């Protein structure tokens, strides 16, 4: 007898990460609309019941079984000390698909040049436990204080340094802050409740979602490319068109021509298509992808 599939309660991070998360879920095949109550989501998949939860609280709710699984930053999983299963990494954020960093920063004109210069100094952050562990590992006794937000504005009047989250560093530079060190690198993780993970029916659904979410992220930097070309140019064209695996080559009605289809990096297409045209390519089509499963 096969595994009996079961419904799951899925947590979506509420706030700045919410639009990017809902977009990724939609590309993965899980479209959601918000219910009258602001913290509930109805997915077009009847096996998934959605909840909007602050990312900082997600790991605790998953640990306690209020959610079967959810998306949370690795930073908040570590900060909370929650005992959950990290199913997979999903490298996306509000503005990009790169990992974010919690960095130690000071005013541009601060005399602080290294971590050791902050011994006995005040450091403001929302990531208290991780920051304290960072200073302990460096053997530095800094006074780490909790910040309720607007952390960048705390220096220099209310703190000597801050530990804040950044993707590009542009906000820090705009606030005339200088990065001294990286405290913690983080990315989004799909996390699961341990009991839910042990339930074969729930685990199967969670693993399916993980596969499709990863496939959607993989597809974001790729496009499909297909074209017709003279058979005698095939070897040359194969040097121009890289592929995730060997490209698909199909015969056409005219034995002197073939059709080629491949998946390529989107960043290379602007240079690739003109070369293919010169080599005799015709009917060249570039098309977007929703999912790529390697």
Protein backbone atom coordinates (compact mmCIF):
# COMPACT_ATOMS: atom_id res chain seq x y z
CA UNK A 1 0.00 0.00 0.00
CA UNK A 2 1.40 3.40 -0.96
CA UNK A 3 1.98 6.42 1.22
CA UNK A 4 -1.20 8.27 2.16
CA UNK A 5 -0.69 11.91 1.30
CA UNK A 6 -1.69 14.40 3.97
CA UNK A 7 -2.41 18.12 4.06
CA UNK A 8 0.23 20.44 5.45
CA UNK A 9 0.21 23.89 7.03
CA UNK A 10 2.85 26.00 5.29
CA UNK A 11 4.34 29.22 6.68
CA UNK A 12 5.10 32.14 4.36
CA UNK A 13 7.32 34.95 5.78
CA UNK A 14 5.28 38.12 6.24
CA UNK A 15 6.83 41.51 5.49
CA UNK A 16 9.63 42.52 3.13
CA UNK A 17 10.26 38.99 1.90
CA UNK A 18 6.57 38.25 1.28
CA UNK A 19 6.26 39.43 -2.39
CA UNK A 20 9.39 37.55 -3.53
CA UNK A 21 8.24 34.43 -1.70
CA UNK A 22 4.74 34.46 -3.19
CA UNK A 23 6.23 35.01 -6.66
CA UNK A 24 8.59 32.06 -6.19
CA UNK A 25 5.76 29.85 -4.91
CA UNK A 26 3.62 30.80 -7.93
CA UNK A 27 6.41 29.83 -10.33
CA UNK A 28 6.74 26.55 -8.46
CA UNK A 29 3.04 25.92 -9.06
CA UNK A 30 1.59 27.03 -5.73
CA UNK A 31 -0.46 30.17 -6.25
CA UNK A 32 -1.97 31.78 -3.19
CA UNK A 33 -4.49 34.47 -2.41
CA UNK A 34 -4.89 36.20 0.91
CA UNK A 35 -7.94 35.45 3.00
CA UNK A 36 -10.07 38.00 4.84
CA UNK A 37 -7.96 37.36 7.91
CA UNK A 38 -4.58 38.85 7.10
CA UNK A 39 -2.54 35.91 8.33
CA UNK A 40 -4.16 33.16 6.22
CA UNK A 41 -3.48 32.16 2.62
CA UNK A 42 -5.52 29.93 0.35
CA UNK A 43 -3.36 27.99 -2.11
CA UNK A 44 -4.68 26.55 -5.36
CA UNK A 45 -3.31 23.24 -4.08
CA UNK A 46 -5.95 21.91 -1.64
CA UNK A 47 -3.25 19.93 0.21
CA UNK A 48 -1.51 23.15 1.33
CA UNK A 49 -2.95 25.52 3.92
CA UNK A 50 -1.02 28.81 4.18
CA UNK A 51 -0.17 31.10 7.08
CA UNK A 52 1.61 34.44 6.98
CA UNK A 53 4.14 34.57 9.82
CA UNK A 54 6.98 36.94 10.66
CA UNK A 55 10.28 35.39 9.59
CA UNK A 56 11.73 35.93 13.06
CA UNK A 57 8.96 33.78 14.57
CA UNK A 58 8.75 31.12 11.86
CA UNK A 59 11.22 28.62 13.31
CA UNK A 60 9.53 28.60 16.73
CA UNK A 61 6.07 28.03 15.22
CA UNK A 62 7.46 25.18 13.12
CA UNK A 63 9.26 23.67 16.13
CA UNK A 64 6.08 23.76 18.23
CA UNK A 65 4.00 22.14 15.47
CA UNK A 66 1.76 25.12 14.75
CA UNK A 67 3.15 24.87 11.21
CA UNK A 68 4.26 21.68 9.46
CA UNK A 69 6.87 23.60 7.50
CA UNK A 70 7.77 27.11 6.39
CA UNK A 71 10.34 29.42 4.89
CA UNK A 72 12.71 31.19 7.26
CA UNK A 73 16.14 32.75 7.19
CA UNK A 74 18.89 30.49 8.50
CA UNK A 75 19.86 33.40 10.76
CA UNK A 76 16.56 33.27 12.65
CA UNK A 77 16.68 29.48 12.92
CA UNK A 78 20.07 29.76 14.60
CA UNK A 79 19.09 32.81 16.67
CA UNK A 80 15.99 31.11 18.07
CA UNK A 81 17.74 27.80 18.72
CA UNK A 82 14.69 26.04 17.27
CA UNK A 83 14.92 22.27 16.86
CA UNK A 84 13.67 21.83 13.30
CA UNK A 85 14.61 19.98 10.13
CA UNK A 86 16.33 22.11 7.48
CA UNK A 87 14.99 20.53 4.31
CA UNK A 88 16.84 22.63 1.73
CA UNK A 89 18.44 26.00 1.02
CA UNK A 90 16.59 28.44 -1.24
CA UNK A 91 18.91 31.23 -2.24
CA UNK A 92 16.68 34.24 -2.83
CA UNK A 93 15.94 37.47 -1.00
CA UNK A 94 13.97 40.71 -1.32
CA UNK A 95 16.25 42.22 -3.95
CA UNK A 96 18.44 39.47 -5.39
CA UNK A 97 19.30 35.79 -5.45
CA UNK A 98 22.46 36.09 -3.40
CA UNK A 99 23.11 35.33 0.24
CA UNK A 100 22.60 38.10 2.73
CA UNK A 101 25.11 39.01 5.44
CA UNK A 102 24.89 40.25 8.98
CA UNK A 103 27.80 42.67 9.16
CA UNK A 104 29.53 44.59 11.89
CA UNK A 105 29.51 48.26 10.91
CA UNK A 106 30.70 51.55 12.39
CA UNK A 107 30.52 55.22 11.33
CA UNK A 108 32.92 56.08 8.51
CA UNK A 109 35.00 58.28 10.82
CA UNK A 110 35.08 55.77 13.70
CA UNK A 111 38.55 54.82 15.01
CA UNK A 112 37.42 51.16 15.09
CA UNK A 113 39.33 49.12 12.53
CA UNK A 114 38.84 45.56 13.76
CA UNK A 115 36.65 43.49 16.07
CA UNK A 116 39.12 43.75 18.95
CA UNK A 117 38.71 47.53 18.98
CA UNK A 118 35.14 47.01 20.23
CA UNK A 119 36.13 45.50 23.57
CA UNK A 120 33.95 47.16 26.21
CA UNK A 121 31.99 49.04 23.52
CA UNK A 122 28.24 48.98 22.82
CA UNK A 123 26.95 47.05 19.80
CA UNK A 124 23.27 47.28 18.78
CA UNK A 125 21.56 44.50 16.83
CA UNK A 126 18.39 42.45 16.44
CA UNK A 127 20.48 39.28 16.17
CA UNK A 128 21.55 39.12 19.80
CA UNK A 129 22.57 35.48 20.34
CA UNK A 130 24.45 35.08 17.07
CA UNK A 131 26.29 38.37 17.64
CA UNK A 132 27.27 37.40 21.19
CA UNK A 133 28.57 34.07 19.92
CA UNK A 134 30.61 35.92 17.27
CA UNK A 135 32.30 38.15 19.85
CA UNK A 136 32.87 35.22 22.21
CA UNK A 137 34.60 33.30 19.43
CA UNK A 138 36.87 36.32 18.87
CA UNK A 139 37.59 36.62 22.60
CA UNK A 140 36.16 40.14 22.66
CA UNK A 141 33.93 41.35 25.53
CA UNK A 142 31.56 43.76 23.81
CA UNK A 143 28.24 44.96 25.24
CA UNK A 144 25.69 43.55 22.82
CA UNK A 145 22.32 45.30 23.16
CA UNK A 146 19.01 44.51 21.49
CA UNK A 147 17.77 46.94 18.84
CA UNK A 148 14.05 47.23 18.17
CA UNK A 149 14.61 48.46 14.62
CA UNK A 150 16.16 51.45 12.83
CA UNK A 151 19.48 49.93 13.85
CA UNK A 152 21.47 52.03 11.38
CA UNK A 153 20.40 55.17 13.24
CA UNK A 154 21.77 53.98 16.59
CA UNK A 155 25.37 55.00 15.91
CA UNK A 156 27.17 56.93 17.16
CA UNK A 157 24.86 58.38 19.84
CA UNK A 158 23.31 55.14 21.16
CA UNK A 159 25.93 52.59 20.16
CA UNK A 160 29.54 52.41 19.01
CA UNK A 161 28.76 49.83 16.32
CA UNK A 162 25.88 47.85 14.89
CA UNK A 163 25.34 44.38 13.45
CA UNK A 164 22.80 44.64 10.67
CA UNK A 165 21.57 42.66 7.68
CA UNK A 166 22.65 43.69 4.19
CA UNK A 167 22.56 42.31 0.66
CA UNK A 168 24.62 44.88 -1.24
CA UNK A 169 25.85 47.28 1.46
CA UNK A 170 24.24 50.24 -0.31
CA UNK A 171 22.02 51.18 2.64
CA UNK A 172 24.99 51.16 5.00
CA UNK A 173 26.98 53.37 2.66
CA UNK A 174 24.02 55.74 2.36
CA UNK A 175 24.02 56.04 6.15
CA UNK A 176 27.79 56.72 6.11
CA UNK A 177 28.63 53.41 7.78
CA UNK A 178 31.70 51.27 7.16
CA UNK A 179 31.75 47.46 7.33
CA UNK A 180 34.36 46.07 9.71
CA UNK A 181 33.60 42.34 9.50
CA UNK A 182 31.01 39.75 8.50
CA UNK A 183 29.26 38.20 11.48
CA UNK A 184 26.98 35.68 9.76
CA UNK A 185 25.97 34.69 6.22
CA UNK A 186 22.40 33.63 5.74
CA UNK A 187 19.88 32.46 3.17
CA UNK A 188 16.32 31.23 3.15
CA UNK A 189 15.70 27.65 4.24
CA UNK A 190 12.67 25.42 3.96
CA UNK A 191 12.29 24.07 7.48
CA UNK A 192 9.99 21.35 8.80
CA UNK A 193 8.59 20.24 12.13
CA UNK A 194 10.30 17.02 13.25
CA UNK A 195 7.07 15.08 13.80
CA UNK A 196 5.71 16.24 10.45
CA UNK A 197 8.95 15.14 8.79
CA UNK A 198 8.57 11.67 10.33
CA UNK A 199 5.04 11.41 8.93
CA UNK A 200 5.49 9.75 5.53
CA UNK A 201 2.48 11.47 3.96
CA UNK A 202 3.48 14.97 5.09
CA UNK A 203 7.13 14.40 4.29
CA UNK A 204 6.30 13.42 0.72
CA UNK A 205 4.40 16.67 0.21
CA UNK A 206 7.14 18.77 1.79
CA UNK A 207 9.79 17.10 -0.37
CA UNK A 208 7.70 17.74 -3.49
CA UNK A 209 7.46 21.42 -2.61
CA UNK A 210 11.20 21.56 -1.96
CA UNK A 211 11.91 20.04 -5.39
CA UNK A 212 9.65 22.48 -7.21
CA UNK A 213 10.88 25.55 -5.29
CA UNK A 214 14.51 24.64 -6.04
CA UNK A 215 13.61 24.05 -9.69
CA UNK A 216 11.97 27.48 -9.91
CA UNK A 217 15.07 29.18 -8.51
CA UNK A 218 17.29 27.23 -10.89
CA UNK A 219 15.17 28.45 -13.80
CA UNK A 220 15.48 32.14 -12.92
CA UNK A 221 18.90 32.49 -14.54
CA UNK A 222 18.16 30.19 -17.49
CA UNK A 223 16.23 30.42 -20.74
CA UNK A 224 15.25 27.92 -23.38
CA UNK A 225 16.68 28.34 -26.87
CA UNK A 226 15.66 26.60 -30.06
CA UNK A 227 16.46 27.08 -33.72
CA UNK A 228 16.78 25.40 -37.10
CA UNK A 229 20.20 25.22 -38.73
CA UNK A 230 22.02 23.64 -41.67
CA UNK A 231 23.28 20.17 -40.75
CA UNK A 232 26.76 21.02 -42.02
CA UNK A 233 26.99 23.81 -39.38
CA UNK A 234 25.99 21.56 -36.46
CA UNK A 235 29.49 20.90 -35.09
CA UNK A 236 30.31 24.61 -35.17
CA UNK A 237 27.03 25.56 -33.51
CA UNK A 238 27.58 23.02 -30.72
CA UNK A 239 30.70 24.96 -29.79
CA UNK A 240 28.60 28.13 -29.49
CA UNK A 241 25.65 26.70 -27.53
CA UNK A 242 26.53 25.23 -24.14
CA UNK A 243 23.85 23.18 -22.41
CA UNK A 244 23.00 21.77 -19.01
CA UNK A 245 23.23 18.38 -20.67
CA UNK A 246 23.68 17.51 -24.34
CA UNK A 247 21.30 19.68 -26.42
CA UNK A 248 18.36 18.03 -28.15
CA UNK A 249 18.92 17.63 -31.90
CA UNK A 250 16.04 16.55 -34.14
CA UNK A 251 15.85 15.87 -37.87
CA UNK A 252 13.64 18.06 -40.07
CA UNK A 253 11.75 17.29 -43.28
CA UNK A 254 14.73 18.60 -45.24
CA UNK A 255 17.60 16.15 -44.57
CA UNK A 256 20.11 19.01 -44.86
CA UNK A 257 18.60 20.76 -41.83
CA UNK A 258 18.20 19.93 -38.13
CA UNK A 259 16.42 21.49 -35.14
CA UNK A 260 18.35 22.21 -31.96
CA UNK A 261 16.95 22.93 -28.50
CA UNK A 262 18.90 23.72 -25.34
CA UNK A 263 18.78 25.41 -21.94
CA UNK A 264 21.39 28.14 -21.53
CA UNK A 265 22.37 30.93 -19.13
CA UNK A 266 20.29 34.02 -19.85
CA UNK A 267 23.37 36.22 -19.49
CA UNK A 268 25.00 34.59 -22.54
CA UNK A 269 22.05 34.78 -24.97
CA UNK A 270 22.65 38.37 -26.12
CA UNK A 271 26.02 37.29 -27.53
CA UNK A 272 24.94 33.83 -28.63
CA UNK A 273 21.97 34.68 -30.88
CA UNK A 274 23.85 37.00 -33.31
CA UNK A 275 26.56 34.32 -33.73
CA UNK A 276 23.92 31.66 -34.41
CA UNK A 277 22.35 33.90 -37.05
CA UNK A 278 25.71 34.32 -38.79
CA UNK A 279 26.13 30.52 -38.79
CA UNK A 280 22.86 30.11 -40.67
CA UNK A 281 20.44 29.64 -37.81
CA UNK A 282 16.79 30.33 -38.62
CA UNK A 283 13.59 30.44 -36.56
CA UNK A 284 15.59 31.29 -33.46
CA UNK A 285 13.34 31.39 -30.39
CA UNK A 286 14.26 32.32 -26.83
CA UNK A 287 11.65 31.46 -24.20
CA UNK A 288 11.39 31.80 -20.41
CA UNK A 289 11.41 28.84 -18.01
CA UNK A 290 9.46 28.26 -14.82
CA UNK A 291 11.34 25.23 -13.54
CA UNK A 292 14.63 23.47 -14.26
CA UNK A 293 15.24 20.13 -12.56
CA UNK A 294 18.78 18.88 -12.94
